[in-house]
Amino acid sequence: MTFADRALARRLEVAEAANARGCAPAGAVSLEIAGGCAIFAGADSPLTQAVGIGLAGPVSEAELIGLETFFRSRGARVAIDLCPLADAGLLEALGERGYRVTEFNNVLVKRLAGTEIVFTPRIRRATAEEADLWSHTVGRGFFEQPELTTEEMDVGRASQPAGGGAMAVHGGLATLFADSTLAAFRRQGLHRELIAARLNEAIAQGCDLAVASTEAGSGSQRNYERLGFEVVYTKVTLAG
């Protein structure tokens, strides 16, 4: 079992912040604040949020005001992806400021020591020329609609046509994200194969740990657990 202490949480959240910055489209802006990172990628973009806040210690009122100003001055609501190992006073402070919970996500990790390469015949790496094809495929599977907004396409551009997924590497940690399978191709083992293919790549790049976030109790969570991942903590998204 992997013990979810603050040191592990910091490693995961630092990688998440780095990934968020790397995934943001051209024109996005970021702010390093309160031990984490705030990203603005458009007022309606799902990439617009703060991550890693409060893991370096107490968050001051001035920092919260600065965080809120960063988003609201750009016409966006404040969205904070909060780790349960953040400073205990942060949740109380956000509650006093009127924040509410909008989403839960489980964070799962897998130690890669001893993991063997798995054959994944249906998966291949998307080329640079296929960026929009990848984006549209992942977006259609994730949002379950044939037409996508610019912001929804940006989710895919941050990083095929039955499904797709992405991976980012930061300090020996492989972050698996943007998992998506079109409805017509589900229940055929494609998602598990997408996970395995990225684990193969993570091992090839010398990573010692892999992480993914899923909706609690979802099919995605089950597939990750079947491949050896375990839940280390649950994050909440708070909006204000």
Protein backbone atom coordinates (compact mmCIF):
# COMPACT_ATOMS: atom_id res chain seq x y z
CA MET A 1 0.00 0.00 0.00
CA THR A 2 1.11 3.56 -0.74
CA PHE A 3 0.88 5.91 2.25
CA ALA A 4 -0.58 9.28 1.26
CA ASP A 5 1.47 11.71 3.33
CA ARG A 6 2.05 15.38 2.60
CA ALA A 7 5.36 14.65 0.86
CA LEU A 8 3.62 12.41 -1.68
CA ALA A 9 0.79 14.92 -2.06
CA ARG A 10 3.25 17.72 -2.76
CA ARG A 11 4.96 15.61 -5.43
CA LEU A 12 1.65 14.79 -7.11
CA GLU A 13 0.30 18.32 -6.93
CA VAL A 14 3.53 19.95 -8.15
CA ALA A 15 3.36 17.66 -11.17
CA GLU A 16 -0.32 18.53 -11.62
CA ALA A 17 0.50 22.23 -11.59
CA ALA A 18 3.31 21.73 -14.11
CA ASN A 19 0.96 19.71 -16.28
CA ALA A 20 -1.74 22.39 -16.06
CA ARG A 21 0.71 25.04 -17.22
CA GLY A 22 1.92 22.81 -20.04
CA CYS A 23 -1.62 22.00 -21.17
CA ALA A 24 -2.83 25.59 -21.25
CA PRO A 25 -3.42 26.94 -24.78
CA ALA A 26 -1.61 29.91 -26.29
CA GLY A 27 -2.57 33.12 -24.54
CA ALA A 28 -3.21 31.48 -21.18
CA VAL A 29 -1.72 33.09 -18.08
CA SER A 30 -0.68 31.60 -14.76
CA LEU A 31 0.05 32.80 -11.25
CA GLU A 32 2.26 31.11 -8.66
CA ILE A 33 0.51 31.66 -5.34
CA ALA A 34 -0.09 30.06 -1.93
CA GLY A 35 2.23 27.16 -2.70
CA GLY A 36 0.34 26.26 -5.87
CA CYS A 37 -0.55 27.57 -9.27
CA ALA A 38 -3.58 29.33 -10.77
CA ILE A 39 -4.25 28.95 -14.51
CA PHE A 40 -6.50 31.13 -16.65
CA ALA A 41 -7.19 29.61 -20.07
CA GLY A 42 -10.49 31.36 -20.81
CA ALA A 43 -13.51 32.26 -18.69
CA ASP A 44 -15.37 29.06 -19.65
CA SER A 45 -12.42 26.71 -20.00
CA PRO A 46 -12.31 23.59 -17.77
CA LEU A 47 -8.56 24.23 -17.57
CA THR A 48 -9.15 27.49 -15.66
CA GLN A 49 -8.53 26.56 -12.02
CA ALA A 50 -6.04 26.65 -9.14
CA VAL A 51 -4.11 23.53 -8.09
CA GLY A 52 -1.72 22.72 -5.24
CA ILE A 53 -2.94 25.56 -3.04
CA GLY A 54 -2.13 25.24 0.67
CA LEU A 55 0.35 22.37 0.54
CA ALA A 56 3.26 24.63 1.52
CA GLY A 57 1.56 25.79 4.73
CA PRO A 58 -1.11 28.27 5.85
CA VAL A 59 -2.69 30.48 3.19
CA SER A 60 -3.11 34.13 4.15
CA GLU A 61 -6.15 36.27 3.46
CA ALA A 62 -4.00 38.42 1.19
CA GLU A 63 -3.13 35.35 -0.88
CA LEU A 64 -6.80 34.37 -1.15
CA ILE A 65 -7.66 37.90 -2.25
CA GLY A 66 -4.87 37.77 -4.83
CA LEU A 67 -6.13 34.40 -6.10
CA GLU A 68 -9.70 35.66 -6.39
CA THR A 69 -8.59 38.84 -8.13
CA PHE A 70 -6.57 36.81 -10.65
CA PHE A 71 -9.69 34.95 -11.81
CA ARG A 72 -12.45 37.52 -11.32
CA SER A 73 -10.56 40.34 -13.03
CA ARG A 74 -10.57 38.13 -16.13
CA GLY A 75 -14.28 37.39 -15.96
CA ALA A 76 -13.93 33.85 -14.56
CA ARG A 77 -15.31 32.28 -11.41
CA VAL A 78 -12.76 31.05 -8.87
CA ALA A 79 -12.24 27.26 -9.05
CA ILE A 80 -9.86 25.56 -6.62
CA ASP A 81 -8.86 21.91 -6.98
CA LEU A 82 -8.23 21.23 -3.29
CA CYS A 83 -6.06 18.41 -1.94
CA PRO A 84 -7.21 17.03 1.45
CA LEU A 85 -3.61 17.25 2.72
CA ALA A 86 -3.53 21.03 2.25
CA ASP A 87 -3.27 23.21 5.35
CA ALA A 88 -6.30 22.50 7.56
CA GLY A 89 -7.21 26.18 7.91
CA LEU A 90 -7.71 26.63 4.17
CA LEU A 91 -10.99 24.73 3.94
CA GLU A 92 -12.46 26.72 6.83
CA ALA A 93 -11.32 29.99 5.27
CA LEU A 94 -12.87 29.09 1.91
CA GLY A 95 -16.13 28.11 3.64
CA GLU A 96 -16.27 31.49 5.36
CA ARG A 97 -15.81 33.13 1.96
CA GLY A 98 -18.82 31.30 0.52
CA TYR A 99 -17.13 28.61 -1.55
CA ARG A 100 -19.12 25.46 -2.37
CA VAL A 101 -18.16 21.96 -3.48
CA THR A 102 -18.85 21.28 -7.16
CA GLU A 103 -16.95 18.06 -7.85
CA PHE A 104 -15.08 15.12 -6.30
CA ASN A 105 -12.19 13.25 -7.95
CA ASN A 106 -10.11 10.34 -6.71
CA VAL A 107 -6.33 10.47 -7.13
CA LEU A 108 -4.80 7.05 -7.85
CA VAL A 109 -1.14 6.05 -7.99
CA LYS A 110 0.85 3.03 -9.08
CA ARG A 111 4.44 2.20 -8.14
CA LEU A 112 6.21 1.16 -11.34
CA ALA A 113 9.01 -0.92 -9.82
CA GLY A 114 8.64 -4.45 -11.16
CA THR A 115 5.90 -3.52 -13.64
CA GLU A 116 6.28 -5.40 -16.91
CA ILE A 117 5.74 -4.06 -20.42
CA VAL A 118 2.32 -5.07 -21.78
CA PHE A 119 1.43 -5.68 -25.44
CA THR A 120 -1.03 -2.99 -26.64
CA PRO A 121 -1.71 -3.71 -30.34
CA ARG A 122 -4.62 -1.27 -30.76
CA ILE A 123 -2.81 1.78 -29.41
CA ARG A 124 -0.38 4.04 -31.23
CA ARG A 125 1.17 7.44 -30.61
CA ALA A 126 -0.62 10.31 -32.36
CA THR A 127 1.59 12.35 -34.70
CA ALA A 128 1.92 16.13 -34.62
CA GLU A 129 -0.20 16.29 -37.79
CA GLU A 130 -3.00 14.48 -35.96
CA ALA A 131 -3.31 17.00 -33.12
CA ASP A 132 -6.79 18.17 -34.10
CA LEU A 133 -7.95 14.61 -34.79
CA TRP A 134 -6.72 13.61 -31.32
CA SER A 135 -8.36 16.65 -29.73
CA HIS A 136 -11.70 16.05 -31.41
CA THR A 137 -11.72 12.33 -30.61
CA VAL A 138 -10.89 12.84 -26.95
CA GLY A 139 -13.32 15.74 -26.68
CA ARG A 140 -16.19 13.77 -28.23
CA GLY A 141 -15.59 10.86 -25.86
CA PHE A 142 -15.27 13.08 -22.80
CA PHE A 143 -18.08 15.56 -23.44
CA GLU A 144 -20.29 13.03 -25.33
CA GLN A 145 -21.40 15.41 -28.04
CA PRO A 146 -20.55 15.63 -31.78
CA GLU A 147 -19.70 19.34 -31.83
CA LEU A 148 -17.23 20.96 -29.43
CA THR A 149 -16.62 24.51 -28.30
CA THR A 150 -13.18 26.08 -28.59
CA GLU A 151 -12.67 25.60 -24.86
CA GLU A 152 -13.58 21.91 -25.07
CA MET A 153 -11.21 21.40 -27.99
CA ASP A 154 -8.47 23.02 -25.88
CA VAL A 155 -8.77 20.14 -23.40
CA GLY A 156 -7.61 17.81 -26.14
CA ARG A 157 -5.04 20.18 -27.62
CA ALA A 158 -3.27 20.30 -24.27
CA SER A 159 -1.55 17.19 -24.61
CA GLN A 160 -7.35 8.70 -32.69
CA PRO A 161 -10.42 7.62 -33.56
CA ALA A 162 -11.98 5.20 -31.03
CA GLY A 163 -10.41 6.98 -28.08
CA GLY A 164 -7.30 8.59 -26.75
CA GLY A 165 -5.28 9.55 -23.73
CA ALA A 166 -2.26 11.65 -22.80
CA MET A 167 0.70 11.48 -20.44
CA ALA A 168 3.07 14.06 -19.01
CA VAL A 169 6.32 13.33 -17.15
CA HIS A 170 7.62 15.53 -14.35
CA GLY A 171 10.47 14.51 -12.05
CA GLY A 172 10.05 10.79 -12.65
CA LEU A 173 6.28 10.96 -12.14
CA ALA A 174 4.02 10.05 -15.06
CA THR A 175 0.65 11.82 -15.03
CA LEU A 176 -1.99 10.01 -17.10
CA PHE A 177 -4.86 12.24 -18.17
CA ALA A 178 -7.40 13.12 -20.90
CA ASP A 179 -8.67 9.52 -21.02
CA SER A 180 -11.59 9.19 -23.41
CA THR A 181 -13.34 6.47 -25.41
CA LEU A 182 -16.18 7.11 -27.84
CA ALA A 183 -19.46 5.62 -26.66
CA ALA A 184 -19.68 3.17 -29.58
CA PHE A 185 -16.31 1.62 -28.65
CA ARG A 186 -16.73 1.22 -24.91
CA ARG A 187 -16.68 -2.12 -23.05
CA GLN A 188 -14.06 -3.50 -25.45
CA GLY A 189 -11.02 -3.10 -23.21
CA LEU A 190 -9.72 -0.04 -25.06
CA HIS A 191 -9.42 2.13 -21.97
CA ARG A 192 -7.36 -0.47 -20.13
CA GLU A 193 -5.14 -0.77 -23.19
CA LEU A 194 -4.70 3.01 -23.30
CA ILE A 195 -3.62 2.92 -19.66
CA ALA A 196 -1.20 0.05 -20.28
CA ALA A 197 0.34 1.76 -23.31
CA ARG A 198 1.11 4.87 -21.29
CA LEU A 199 2.53 2.79 -18.45
CA ASN A 200 4.84 1.18 -21.02
CA GLU A 201 6.01 4.65 -22.02
CA ALA A 202 6.42 5.72 -18.39
CA ILE A 203 8.62 2.70 -17.69
CA ALA A 204 10.67 3.42 -20.83
CA GLN A 205 11.24 6.97 -19.58
CA GLY A 206 12.47 5.74 -16.20
CA CYS A 207 9.48 6.86 -14.12
CA ASP A 208 9.04 5.33 -10.67
CA LEU A 209 5.43 6.40 -10.13
CA ALA A 210 2.29 6.97 -12.19
CA VAL A 211 -0.77 8.99 -11.18
CA ALA A 212 -4.27 9.56 -12.56
CA SER A 213 -7.43 11.30 -11.38
CA THR A 214 -10.91 9.90 -11.96
CA GLU A 215 -14.49 10.56 -11.00
CA ALA A 216 -15.21 8.67 -7.81
CA GLY A 217 -16.72 5.23 -8.42
CA SER A 218 -16.47 5.54 -12.20
CA GLY A 219 -15.62 2.94 -14.81
CA SER A 220 -12.33 4.75 -15.29
CA GLN A 221 -11.46 4.25 -11.63
CA ARG A 222 -12.23 0.52 -11.91
CA ASN A 223 -9.99 0.19 -14.97
CA TYR A 224 -7.10 1.91 -13.21
CA GLU A 225 -7.53 -0.27 -10.14
CA ARG A 226 -7.56 -3.40 -12.31
CA LEU A 227 -4.13 -2.36 -13.54
CA GLY A 228 -2.69 -1.92 -10.04
CA PHE A 229 -3.50 1.69 -9.18
CA GLU A 230 -4.80 2.54 -5.72
CA VAL A 231 -6.69 5.56 -4.41
CA VAL A 232 -4.46 7.72 -2.19
CA TYR A 233 -6.84 10.61 -1.57
CA THR A 234 -9.97 12.36 -2.85
CA LYS A 235 -9.86 15.95 -4.05
CA VAL A 236 -12.74 18.42 -4.11
CA THR A 237 -13.27 21.25 -6.53
CA LEU A 238 -14.51 24.38 -4.78
CA ALA A 239 -16.09 27.29 -6.60
CA GLY A 240 -16.64 30.81 -5.37
